[in-house]
Structures are given as structure tokens and as C-alpha cells.
Amino acid sequence: MSVKKRFSPAEVEKLRANPYTERVTAEQISFALAFKEEFWRLSVEGCTGNIAFRRLGYDPEVLGFERVHNITKRIRRAARTPEGLQGKATSRMRISKENFSRAELEKMSRRESEQRLQNEIVHLQQQMAFLKKLMRQPGGPGSEQ
């Protein structure tokens, strides 16, 4: 298990000054949706993760190899999903009898209820896409051996 690089107070301030930074602490950094969209655009144009970070005002050495690699991987994977790039991470919590009683569901605002159902639909669509991909693989479930 790797130890994540911590940011010094000076690095935190420098990262916070970048308009693409949504939130930063000594342990982690979150990027704005605009960053993710620009990063993806640069990626499509052929830029590596390090080059894209530099063009968007971040020093890859400050962020650290692991963080740059993982962020690059996550953005590219998210951009290829049906939902595309999104701002803050959405909750994947599903509505079920185990999680919510009828009374709790009735107390929930209509908007909250709709948002939870939309999240559940997205989650189920992702599961279906994964299962379809799994079934198409040679040697996977449902394939002739």
C-alpha cells in the first residue's frame, strides 16, 4: 500500500489559488467540473496526464505520481460513461426497504426522492452495461467453452 503525498501549507495555498481547484486539504484535492472537461479535451487532443496538468496550472511533482495517475484514469473512465463527466461525486446509495422505512420516504422531499431514484437508475444502468460486457468476453458467463 502506498503512502499518499501530503501537501505542505504553501502547496495547499498555491493549489487553492488555481481556479480549477474545488477543494484542497493537506491530504486531498478535488477538482471543479471545468477542470475535468478541459482535462478530457486535452486528453482527446493527445496530451498525457502530466502535460494536461501543467497546461491547467498544476505541477505534477507537487501532486505526486500516484495522484496524477489515478486522477487521469478516473477522468478518462468517467468521460466514457453514458453520464459523462460530473461535478461532485454522486451518491450510489440505493433506495430499498432495508435502507428506508415508508415513513422516512414520505418525509423526504419530492426532489430528494426523485434524485435518489435517478441515482439508482444510473447505478442499475452501469450494472447492466458491466454485465453485458462481461457476457461478451470469451470465457465469461454465458459464453460457449
N, C-alpha and C. Protein backbone atom coordinates (compact mmCIF):
# COMPACT_ATOMS: atom_id res chain seq x y z
N MET A 1 0.84 -1.17 0.00
CA MET A 1 0.00 0.00 0.00
C MET A 1 0.88 1.23 0.00
N SER A 2 0.59 2.17 -0.88
CA SER A 2 1.41 3.36 -0.98
C SER A 2 0.95 4.44 0.00
N VAL A 3 1.88 5.28 0.37
CA VAL A 3 1.57 6.39 1.25
C VAL A 3 1.33 7.60 0.36
N LYS A 4 0.17 8.22 0.50
CA LYS A 4 -0.16 9.37 -0.32
C LYS A 4 0.68 10.57 0.07
N LYS A 5 1.11 11.30 -0.91
CA LYS A 5 1.89 12.51 -0.68
C LYS A 5 1.00 13.56 -0.02
N ARG A 6 1.50 14.16 1.04
CA ARG A 6 0.77 15.23 1.72
C ARG A 6 1.26 16.56 1.17
N PHE A 7 0.35 17.53 1.13
CA PHE A 7 0.71 18.86 0.67
C PHE A 7 1.17 19.71 1.85
N SER A 8 2.20 20.49 1.62
CA SER A 8 2.66 21.44 2.64
C SER A 8 1.67 22.60 2.67
N PRO A 9 1.69 23.42 3.73
CA PRO A 9 0.79 24.59 3.77
C PRO A 9 0.98 25.52 2.57
N ALA A 10 2.22 25.69 2.12
CA ALA A 10 2.49 26.55 0.96
C ALA A 10 1.88 25.93 -0.31
N GLU A 11 2.01 24.61 -0.45
CA GLU A 11 1.44 23.92 -1.61
C GLU A 11 -0.08 24.01 -1.59
N VAL A 12 -0.68 23.87 -0.40
CA VAL A 12 -2.14 23.98 -0.28
C VAL A 12 -2.59 25.35 -0.77
N GLU A 13 -1.91 26.40 -0.36
CA GLU A 13 -2.28 27.76 -0.78
C GLU A 13 -2.13 27.93 -2.29
N LYS A 14 -1.05 27.40 -2.85
CA LYS A 14 -0.84 27.51 -4.30
C LYS A 14 -1.92 26.74 -5.06
N LEU A 15 -2.25 25.54 -4.59
CA LEU A 15 -3.30 24.74 -5.23
C LEU A 15 -4.66 25.43 -5.10
N ARG A 16 -4.92 26.00 -3.94
CA ARG A 16 -6.19 26.69 -3.70
C ARG A 16 -6.35 27.90 -4.63
N ALA A 17 -5.25 28.52 -5.01
CA ALA A 17 -5.29 29.71 -5.88
C ALA A 17 -5.68 29.36 -7.32
N ASN A 18 -5.53 28.11 -7.72
CA ASN A 18 -5.88 27.70 -9.07
C ASN A 18 -7.41 27.67 -9.20
N PRO A 19 -7.97 28.36 -10.21
CA PRO A 19 -9.43 28.39 -10.35
C PRO A 19 -10.07 27.02 -10.61
N TYR A 20 -9.29 26.05 -11.03
CA TYR A 20 -9.82 24.71 -11.27
C TYR A 20 -9.92 23.88 -10.00
N THR A 21 -9.36 24.37 -8.89
CA THR A 21 -9.40 23.63 -7.63
C THR A 21 -10.73 23.89 -6.94
N GLU A 22 -11.44 22.82 -6.64
CA GLU A 22 -12.70 22.95 -5.92
C GLU A 22 -12.46 22.98 -4.41
N ARG A 23 -11.60 22.07 -3.96
CA ARG A 23 -11.32 21.95 -2.53
C ARG A 23 -9.94 21.30 -2.37
N VAL A 24 -9.18 21.76 -1.37
CA VAL A 24 -7.88 21.16 -1.12
C VAL A 24 -7.57 21.16 0.37
N THR A 25 -7.03 20.04 0.83
CA THR A 25 -6.54 19.92 2.21
C THR A 25 -5.12 19.37 2.10
N ALA A 26 -4.48 19.15 3.22
CA ALA A 26 -3.13 18.59 3.21
C ALA A 26 -3.11 17.17 2.62
N GLU A 27 -4.24 16.47 2.71
CA GLU A 27 -4.31 15.08 2.25
C GLU A 27 -4.90 14.90 0.86
N GLN A 28 -5.83 15.77 0.46
CA GLN A 28 -6.51 15.53 -0.81
C GLN A 28 -6.89 16.81 -1.54
N ILE A 29 -7.19 16.62 -2.82
CA ILE A 29 -7.60 17.73 -3.67
C ILE A 29 -8.79 17.29 -4.50
N SER A 30 -9.73 18.21 -4.69
CA SER A 30 -10.90 17.97 -5.55
C SER A 30 -10.90 19.01 -6.65
N PHE A 31 -11.27 18.59 -7.83
CA PHE A 31 -11.24 19.48 -8.99
C PHE A 31 -12.65 19.84 -9.44
N ALA A 32 -12.77 21.06 -9.97
CA ALA A 32 -14.04 21.55 -10.49
C ALA A 32 -14.39 20.81 -11.78
N LEU A 33 -15.65 20.83 -12.12
CA LEU A 33 -16.11 20.19 -13.36
C LEU A 33 -15.39 20.79 -14.57
N ALA A 34 -15.15 22.10 -14.55
CA ALA A 34 -14.45 22.77 -15.66
C ALA A 34 -13.06 22.16 -15.87
N PHE A 35 -12.38 21.81 -14.77
CA PHE A 35 -11.06 21.16 -14.88
C PHE A 35 -11.21 19.83 -15.59
N LYS A 36 -12.18 19.03 -15.15
CA LYS A 36 -12.36 17.70 -15.73
C LYS A 36 -12.67 17.79 -17.22
N GLU A 37 -13.50 18.75 -17.60
CA GLU A 37 -13.84 18.92 -19.02
C GLU A 37 -12.63 19.36 -19.84
N GLU A 38 -11.85 20.30 -19.31
CA GLU A 38 -10.65 20.75 -20.01
C GLU A 38 -9.62 19.64 -20.08
N PHE A 39 -9.46 18.91 -18.99
CA PHE A 39 -8.52 17.80 -18.95
C PHE A 39 -8.90 16.77 -20.02
N TRP A 40 -10.19 16.45 -20.12
CA TRP A 40 -10.65 15.47 -21.11
C TRP A 40 -10.40 15.99 -22.52
N ARG A 41 -10.66 17.28 -22.75
CA ARG A 41 -10.42 17.87 -24.07
C ARG A 41 -8.95 17.74 -24.45
N LEU A 42 -8.06 18.07 -23.52
CA LEU A 42 -6.62 17.94 -23.77
C LEU A 42 -6.22 16.49 -24.00
N SER A 43 -6.83 15.59 -23.25
CA SER A 43 -6.56 14.17 -23.39
C SER A 43 -6.93 13.67 -24.79
N VAL A 44 -8.08 14.12 -25.27
CA VAL A 44 -8.54 13.73 -26.61
C VAL A 44 -7.58 14.28 -27.67
N GLU A 45 -7.00 15.44 -27.40
CA GLU A 45 -6.03 16.03 -28.34
C GLU A 45 -4.68 15.33 -28.28
N GLY A 46 -4.51 14.39 -27.35
CA GLY A 46 -3.29 13.61 -27.29
C GLY A 46 -2.34 13.96 -26.16
N CYS A 47 -2.73 14.84 -25.27
CA CYS A 47 -1.86 15.21 -24.15
C CYS A 47 -1.81 14.09 -23.12
N THR A 48 -0.65 13.88 -22.56
CA THR A 48 -0.52 12.94 -21.45
C THR A 48 -1.09 13.60 -20.20
N GLY A 49 -1.26 12.81 -19.15
CA GLY A 49 -1.76 13.36 -17.89
C GLY A 49 -0.89 14.49 -17.37
N ASN A 50 0.43 14.27 -17.36
CA ASN A 50 1.35 15.30 -16.86
C ASN A 50 1.25 16.59 -17.65
N ILE A 51 1.21 16.48 -18.96
CA ILE A 51 1.14 17.67 -19.81
C ILE A 51 -0.18 18.40 -19.56
N ALA A 52 -1.27 17.66 -19.49
CA ALA A 52 -2.58 18.28 -19.25
C ALA A 52 -2.58 19.02 -17.91
N PHE A 53 -2.04 18.39 -16.88
CA PHE A 53 -1.98 19.05 -15.57
C PHE A 53 -1.17 20.35 -15.66
N ARG A 54 -0.04 20.30 -16.33
CA ARG A 54 0.79 21.50 -16.47
C ARG A 54 0.04 22.61 -17.20
N ARG A 55 -0.63 22.25 -18.30
CA ARG A 55 -1.37 23.26 -19.07
C ARG A 55 -2.52 23.88 -18.27
N LEU A 56 -3.03 23.13 -17.31
CA LEU A 56 -4.14 23.63 -16.49
C LEU A 56 -3.65 24.27 -15.19
N GLY A 57 -2.33 24.47 -15.09
CA GLY A 57 -1.78 25.23 -13.99
C GLY A 57 -1.36 24.44 -12.76
N TYR A 58 -1.21 23.13 -12.89
CA TYR A 58 -0.80 22.30 -11.76
C TYR A 58 0.57 21.71 -12.03
N ASP A 59 1.37 21.60 -10.99
CA ASP A 59 2.69 20.99 -11.07
C ASP A 59 2.54 19.51 -10.70
N PRO A 60 2.76 18.59 -11.65
CA PRO A 60 2.61 17.16 -11.35
C PRO A 60 3.51 16.68 -10.22
N GLU A 61 4.67 17.31 -10.02
CA GLU A 61 5.55 16.90 -8.93
C GLU A 61 4.93 17.23 -7.58
N VAL A 62 4.19 18.34 -7.50
CA VAL A 62 3.52 18.72 -6.26
C VAL A 62 2.39 17.73 -5.96
N LEU A 63 1.66 17.34 -7.00
CA LEU A 63 0.55 16.41 -6.82
C LEU A 63 1.04 15.00 -6.52
N GLY A 64 2.14 14.61 -7.11
CA GLY A 64 2.68 13.26 -6.91
C GLY A 64 2.22 12.31 -8.00
N PHE A 65 3.08 11.34 -8.32
CA PHE A 65 2.81 10.41 -9.42
C PHE A 65 1.50 9.65 -9.24
N GLU A 66 1.30 9.06 -8.05
CA GLU A 66 0.10 8.25 -7.80
C GLU A 66 -1.17 9.06 -8.04
N ARG A 67 -1.20 10.26 -7.49
CA ARG A 67 -2.39 11.10 -7.59
C ARG A 67 -2.65 11.47 -9.06
N VAL A 68 -1.62 11.89 -9.78
CA VAL A 68 -1.77 12.26 -11.20
C VAL A 68 -2.27 11.06 -11.99
N HIS A 69 -1.66 9.91 -11.77
CA HIS A 69 -2.05 8.69 -12.49
C HIS A 69 -3.51 8.33 -12.21
N ASN A 70 -3.90 8.33 -10.94
CA ASN A 70 -5.27 7.94 -10.58
C ASN A 70 -6.31 8.95 -11.06
N ILE A 71 -6.01 10.24 -10.96
CA ILE A 71 -6.95 11.25 -11.43
C ILE A 71 -7.13 11.13 -12.94
N THR A 72 -6.02 10.95 -13.65
CA THR A 72 -6.07 10.78 -15.11
C THR A 72 -6.96 9.59 -15.46
N LYS A 73 -6.75 8.49 -14.78
CA LYS A 73 -7.52 7.26 -15.05
C LYS A 73 -9.01 7.48 -14.77
N ARG A 74 -9.32 8.13 -13.63
CA ARG A 74 -10.72 8.35 -13.26
C ARG A 74 -11.44 9.28 -14.24
N ILE A 75 -10.78 10.35 -14.65
CA ILE A 75 -11.42 11.30 -15.57
C ILE A 75 -11.67 10.64 -16.91
N ARG A 76 -10.70 9.91 -17.41
CA ARG A 76 -10.87 9.24 -18.72
C ARG A 76 -11.97 8.19 -18.66
N ARG A 77 -12.03 7.46 -17.55
CA ARG A 77 -13.08 6.44 -17.40
C ARG A 77 -14.45 7.11 -17.30
N ALA A 78 -14.56 8.18 -16.51
CA ALA A 78 -15.85 8.86 -16.34
C ALA A 78 -16.32 9.49 -17.64
N ALA A 79 -15.40 10.02 -18.43
CA ALA A 79 -15.78 10.68 -19.68
C ALA A 79 -16.37 9.69 -20.67
N ARG A 80 -16.03 8.43 -20.55
CA ARG A 80 -16.53 7.41 -21.47
C ARG A 80 -17.85 6.79 -21.02
N THR A 81 -18.33 7.13 -19.84
CA THR A 81 -19.58 6.56 -19.35
C THR A 81 -20.75 7.30 -19.97
N PRO A 82 -21.95 6.70 -19.95
CA PRO A 82 -23.13 7.38 -20.50
C PRO A 82 -23.42 8.70 -19.78
N GLU A 83 -23.09 8.78 -18.49
CA GLU A 83 -23.37 10.00 -17.73
C GLU A 83 -22.35 11.08 -18.02
N GLY A 84 -21.17 10.71 -18.48
CA GLY A 84 -20.12 11.67 -18.76
C GLY A 84 -19.50 12.23 -17.49
N LEU A 85 -18.75 13.29 -17.66
CA LEU A 85 -18.09 13.93 -16.52
C LEU A 85 -19.13 14.63 -15.66
N GLN A 86 -18.92 14.56 -14.36
CA GLN A 86 -19.83 15.21 -13.42
C GLN A 86 -19.03 15.97 -12.40
N GLY A 87 -19.69 16.94 -11.75
CA GLY A 87 -19.03 17.74 -10.72
C GLY A 87 -18.70 16.89 -9.53
N LYS A 88 -19.35 17.11 -8.45
CA LYS A 88 -19.11 16.33 -7.24
C LYS A 88 -19.57 14.90 -7.45
N ALA A 89 -18.89 14.00 -6.76
CA ALA A 89 -19.27 12.58 -6.86
C ALA A 89 -20.70 12.42 -6.35
N THR A 90 -21.47 11.65 -7.09
CA THR A 90 -22.84 11.42 -6.68
C THR A 90 -22.91 10.18 -5.80
N SER A 91 -23.85 10.18 -4.93
CA SER A 91 -24.03 9.05 -4.04
C SER A 91 -24.58 7.87 -4.82
N ARG A 92 -24.11 6.69 -4.50
CA ARG A 92 -24.60 5.48 -5.16
C ARG A 92 -25.53 4.71 -4.24
N MET A 93 -26.04 5.40 -3.22
CA MET A 93 -26.92 4.73 -2.28
C MET A 93 -28.24 4.40 -2.97
N ARG A 94 -28.71 3.19 -2.78
CA ARG A 94 -29.93 2.74 -3.41
C ARG A 94 -31.07 2.78 -2.42
N ILE A 95 -32.25 3.08 -2.92
CA ILE A 95 -33.44 3.07 -2.07
C ILE A 95 -33.92 1.63 -1.98
N SER A 96 -34.05 1.16 -0.78
CA SER A 96 -34.58 -0.18 -0.58
C SER A 96 -35.23 -0.22 0.79
N LYS A 97 -36.00 -1.26 1.02
CA LYS A 97 -36.68 -1.37 2.31
C LYS A 97 -35.69 -1.46 3.45
N GLU A 98 -34.51 -2.01 3.19
CA GLU A 98 -33.51 -2.12 4.25
C GLU A 98 -32.98 -0.75 4.65
N ASN A 99 -32.89 0.17 3.70
CA ASN A 99 -32.30 1.48 3.97
C ASN A 99 -33.30 2.52 4.45
N PHE A 100 -34.56 2.43 4.01
CA PHE A 100 -35.54 3.45 4.33
C PHE A 100 -36.87 2.83 4.69
N SER A 101 -37.45 3.31 5.74
CA SER A 101 -38.80 2.87 6.07
C SER A 101 -39.78 3.73 5.26
N ARG A 102 -41.01 3.30 5.17
CA ARG A 102 -42.04 4.06 4.44
C ARG A 102 -42.17 5.47 5.01
N ALA A 103 -42.10 5.60 6.34
CA ALA A 103 -42.23 6.91 6.99
C ALA A 103 -41.08 7.83 6.57
N GLU A 104 -39.86 7.29 6.49
CA GLU A 104 -38.72 8.11 6.08
C GLU A 104 -38.87 8.56 4.64
N LEU A 105 -39.36 7.66 3.78
CA LEU A 105 -39.56 8.03 2.38
C LEU A 105 -40.62 9.11 2.23
N GLU A 106 -41.66 9.05 3.06
CA GLU A 106 -42.71 10.07 3.00
C GLU A 106 -42.20 11.42 3.48
N LYS A 107 -41.28 11.43 4.44
CA LYS A 107 -40.71 12.68 4.96
C LYS A 107 -39.77 13.34 3.95
N MET A 108 -39.17 12.53 3.09
CA MET A 108 -38.21 13.02 2.11
C MET A 108 -38.92 13.95 1.13
N SER A 109 -38.27 15.03 0.75
CA SER A 109 -38.89 15.94 -0.21
C SER A 109 -38.99 15.23 -1.56
N ARG A 110 -39.89 15.71 -2.37
CA ARG A 110 -40.09 15.12 -3.69
C ARG A 110 -38.79 15.19 -4.50
N ARG A 111 -38.10 16.31 -4.38
CA ARG A 111 -36.85 16.50 -5.13
C ARG A 111 -35.79 15.48 -4.67
N GLU A 112 -35.65 15.28 -3.36
CA GLU A 112 -34.70 14.30 -2.84
C GLU A 112 -35.06 12.90 -3.33
N SER A 113 -36.33 12.60 -3.27
CA SER A 113 -36.80 11.29 -3.68
C SER A 113 -36.50 11.06 -5.17
N GLU A 114 -36.77 12.06 -5.99
CA GLU A 114 -36.50 11.95 -7.43
C GLU A 114 -35.01 11.79 -7.69
N GLN A 115 -34.20 12.54 -6.96
CA GLN A 115 -32.75 12.46 -7.14
C GLN A 115 -32.24 11.07 -6.77
N ARG A 116 -32.73 10.52 -5.68
CA ARG A 116 -32.31 9.18 -5.27
C ARG A 116 -32.72 8.14 -6.31
N LEU A 117 -33.92 8.28 -6.85
CA LEU A 117 -34.37 7.34 -7.87
C LEU A 117 -33.53 7.47 -9.14
N GLN A 118 -33.21 8.70 -9.52
CA GLN A 118 -32.35 8.90 -10.69
C GLN A 118 -30.98 8.27 -10.48
N ASN A 119 -30.43 8.44 -9.27
CA ASN A 119 -29.13 7.83 -8.96
C ASN A 119 -29.22 6.31 -9.04
N GLU A 120 -30.32 5.76 -8.55
CA GLU A 120 -30.48 4.31 -8.61
C GLU A 120 -30.59 3.83 -10.05
N ILE A 121 -31.29 4.57 -10.89
CA ILE A 121 -31.40 4.20 -12.31
C ILE A 121 -30.03 4.20 -12.97
N VAL A 122 -29.24 5.24 -12.71
CA VAL A 122 -27.89 5.32 -13.27
C VAL A 122 -27.06 4.13 -12.80
N HIS A 123 -27.15 3.83 -11.52
CA HIS A 123 -26.40 2.70 -10.96
C HIS A 123 -26.81 1.39 -11.64
N LEU A 124 -28.10 1.17 -11.81
CA LEU A 124 -28.58 -0.05 -12.45
C LEU A 124 -28.14 -0.12 -13.92
N GLN A 125 -28.13 1.03 -14.60
CA GLN A 125 -27.67 1.06 -15.99
C GLN A 125 -26.19 0.69 -16.06
N GLN A 126 -25.41 1.17 -15.11
CA GLN A 126 -23.99 0.83 -15.08
C GLN A 126 -23.80 -0.66 -14.82
N GLN A 127 -24.59 -1.21 -13.92
CA GLN A 127 -24.50 -2.64 -13.65
C GLN A 127 -24.86 -3.45 -14.90
N MET A 128 -25.90 -3.04 -15.61
CA MET A 128 -26.30 -3.76 -16.82
C MET A 128 -25.20 -3.69 -17.87
N ALA A 129 -24.61 -2.51 -18.06
CA ALA A 129 -23.54 -2.36 -19.04
C ALA A 129 -22.35 -3.25 -18.68
N PHE A 130 -22.03 -3.32 -17.40
CA PHE A 130 -20.93 -4.16 -16.94
C PHE A 130 -21.24 -5.64 -17.22
N LEU A 131 -22.45 -6.06 -16.91
CA LEU A 131 -22.82 -7.46 -17.12
C LEU A 131 -22.83 -7.82 -18.60
N LYS A 132 -23.30 -6.91 -19.44
CA LYS A 132 -23.27 -7.16 -20.88
C LYS A 132 -21.84 -7.32 -21.37
N LYS A 133 -20.96 -6.44 -20.90
CA LYS A 133 -19.56 -6.52 -21.29
C LYS A 133 -18.94 -7.83 -20.81
N LEU A 134 -19.28 -8.22 -19.60
CA LEU A 134 -18.77 -9.45 -19.02
C LEU A 134 -19.22 -10.66 -19.84
N MET A 135 -20.47 -10.64 -20.28
CA MET A 135 -21.01 -11.77 -21.04
C MET A 135 -20.42 -11.86 -22.44
N ARG A 136 -19.94 -10.74 -22.99
CA ARG A 136 -19.35 -10.75 -24.33
C ARG A 136 -17.92 -11.26 -24.32
N GLN A 137 -17.27 -11.28 -23.14
CA GLN A 137 -15.89 -11.71 -23.06
C GLN A 137 -15.78 -13.21 -23.27
N PRO A 138 -14.74 -13.64 -24.01
CA PRO A 138 -14.56 -15.08 -24.16
C PRO A 138 -14.25 -15.71 -22.81
N GLY A 139 -14.89 -16.81 -22.52
CA GLY A 139 -14.68 -17.49 -21.25
C GLY A 139 -15.51 -16.93 -20.13
N GLY A 140 -16.28 -15.86 -20.44
CA GLY A 140 -17.14 -15.25 -19.42
C GLY A 140 -18.43 -16.02 -19.27
N PRO A 141 -19.27 -15.66 -18.31
CA PRO A 141 -20.55 -16.34 -18.12
C PRO A 141 -21.39 -16.26 -19.40
N GLY A 142 -21.98 -17.35 -19.78
CA GLY A 142 -22.86 -17.37 -20.95
C GLY A 142 -22.13 -17.63 -22.25
N SER A 143 -20.79 -17.70 -22.22
CA SER A 143 -20.08 -17.98 -23.47
C SER A 143 -19.85 -19.49 -23.59
N GLU A 144 -19.77 -19.94 -24.83
CA GLU A 144 -19.57 -21.36 -25.10
C GLU A 144 -18.10 -21.68 -24.92
N GLN A 145 -17.80 -22.73 -24.19
CA GLN A 145 -16.38 -23.08 -24.00
C GLN A 145 -16.04 -24.40 -24.63
